[in-house]
Amino acid sequence: MSINDTDIAFVHDMFDPLGRITTRKMMGGLSIYCNGTIFSMLDREGTLYLKAKGPFADEIAAAGARQFGVETGDKMAYWTLPDTANYDPDAVLIWGQKALDAL
């Protein structure tokens, strides 16, 4: 599966209340920016990830999120939404704002 216009519309539906959302297709996925800052990505299978490190990474992990790829130690990493968010628009927006606040 590759990123299409429906995927991009989904991202805007989820995150537009946070600010000016822009996207860029990269390596089969989609990088997601808010006001010029990358804070999320969507992979080719449709999994949404949030950028996190430090206390926010600890918080999202404790909520049941899974890290993308391998452990990165102190470096920035991407995490799935917690299962409890279940793509609920309000929950996704809250977690998206937390990701931005942590950057």
Protein backbone atom coordinates (compact mmCIF):
# COMPACT_ATOMS: atom_id res chain seq x y z
CA MET A 1 0.00 0.00 0.00
CA SER A 2 1.23 3.50 -0.71
CA ILE A 3 0.14 6.87 0.63
CA ASN A 4 -2.78 8.37 -1.27
CA ASP A 5 -5.06 11.41 -1.10
CA THR A 6 -7.40 9.63 1.34
CA ASP A 7 -4.49 9.12 3.77
CA ILE A 8 -3.53 12.78 3.51
CA ALA A 9 -7.15 13.85 4.11
CA PHE A 10 -7.21 11.57 7.20
CA VAL A 11 -4.12 13.31 8.59
CA HIS A 12 -5.72 16.71 8.08
CA ASP A 13 -8.97 15.54 9.69
CA MET A 14 -7.02 14.38 12.74
CA PHE A 15 -4.53 17.21 13.18
CA ASP A 16 -5.78 20.45 11.53
CA PRO A 17 -6.98 21.87 14.88
CA LEU A 18 -3.33 21.85 16.08
CA GLY A 19 -2.12 24.40 13.54
CA ARG A 20 -0.94 24.58 9.92
CA ILE A 21 -0.54 20.92 8.94
CA THR A 22 1.62 20.04 5.96
CA THR A 23 2.79 16.66 4.74
CA ARG A 24 5.58 15.18 2.67
CA LYS A 25 5.74 11.72 1.17
CA MET A 26 8.98 10.02 2.20
CA MET A 27 10.21 6.42 1.85
CA GLY A 28 6.73 5.05 1.18
CA GLY A 29 5.23 6.86 4.16
CA LEU A 30 4.13 10.35 5.05
CA SER A 31 5.92 12.88 7.25
CA ILE A 32 3.51 15.17 9.11
CA TYR A 33 4.41 18.72 10.13
CA CYS A 34 2.64 21.27 12.29
CA ASN A 35 3.69 24.87 11.69
CA GLY A 36 6.85 23.55 10.02
CA THR A 37 7.85 21.10 12.77
CA ILE A 38 7.75 17.38 12.07
CA PHE A 39 5.88 15.63 14.88
CA SER A 40 4.25 12.58 13.34
CA MET A 41 4.39 10.10 10.49
CA LEU A 42 2.07 7.69 8.77
CA ASP A 43 3.57 4.45 7.43
CA ARG A 44 2.50 2.74 4.22
CA GLU A 45 0.25 0.36 6.19
CA GLY A 46 -1.67 3.29 7.68
CA THR A 47 -0.16 3.22 11.18
CA LEU A 48 0.13 6.66 12.73
CA TYR A 49 3.22 7.44 14.83
CA LEU A 50 4.10 10.39 17.07
CA LYS A 51 7.59 11.74 17.67
CA ALA A 52 8.65 11.35 21.30
CA LYS A 53 11.65 11.29 23.61
CA GLY A 54 12.31 11.69 27.32
CA PRO A 55 9.30 12.10 29.61
CA PHE A 56 6.80 12.09 26.74
CA ALA A 57 8.24 8.81 25.42
CA ASP A 58 7.88 7.38 28.91
CA GLU A 59 4.27 8.61 29.12
CA ILE A 60 3.20 7.26 25.74
CA ALA A 61 4.95 3.93 26.39
CA ALA A 62 3.21 3.61 29.76
CA ALA A 63 -0.10 4.18 27.96
CA GLY A 64 0.60 1.15 25.73
CA ALA A 65 2.23 2.67 22.65
CA ARG A 66 4.89 0.74 20.75
CA GLN A 67 8.14 2.21 19.45
CA PHE A 68 8.78 2.23 15.71
CA GLY A 69 11.87 0.30 14.69
CA VAL A 70 14.72 -0.38 17.07
CA GLU A 71 15.49 1.18 20.43
CA THR A 72 17.18 4.52 19.83
CA GLY A 73 18.34 5.34 23.33
CA ASP A 74 18.44 9.10 23.79
CA LYS A 75 17.59 9.91 20.17
CA MET A 76 14.20 10.98 18.92
CA ALA A 77 11.90 8.05 18.22
CA TYR A 78 8.42 7.47 16.89
CA TRP A 79 5.67 5.69 18.80
CA THR A 80 2.27 4.34 17.82
CA LEU A 81 -0.78 5.83 19.42
CA PRO A 82 -1.75 4.02 22.60
CA ASP A 83 -4.37 1.34 21.93
CA THR A 84 -6.80 3.27 24.13
CA ALA A 85 -6.75 6.15 21.60
CA ASN A 86 -8.17 3.73 19.00
CA TYR A 87 -8.16 6.52 16.41
CA ASP A 88 -10.75 8.42 18.42
CA PRO A 89 -10.40 11.96 16.99
CA ASP A 90 -10.38 13.63 20.41
CA ALA A 91 -7.77 11.23 21.79
CA VAL A 92 -5.59 11.54 18.69
CA LEU A 93 -5.72 15.32 18.97
CA ILE A 94 -4.73 15.21 22.66
CA TRP A 95 -1.78 12.89 21.97
CA GLY A 96 -0.76 15.00 18.95
CA GLN A 97 -0.71 18.15 21.09
CA LYS A 98 1.34 16.34 23.74
CA ALA A 99 3.85 15.34 21.05
CA LEU A 100 4.16 18.94 19.88
CA ASP A 101 4.47 20.26 23.43
CA ALA A 102 7.33 17.83 24.08
CA LEU A 103 9.42 18.98 21.10
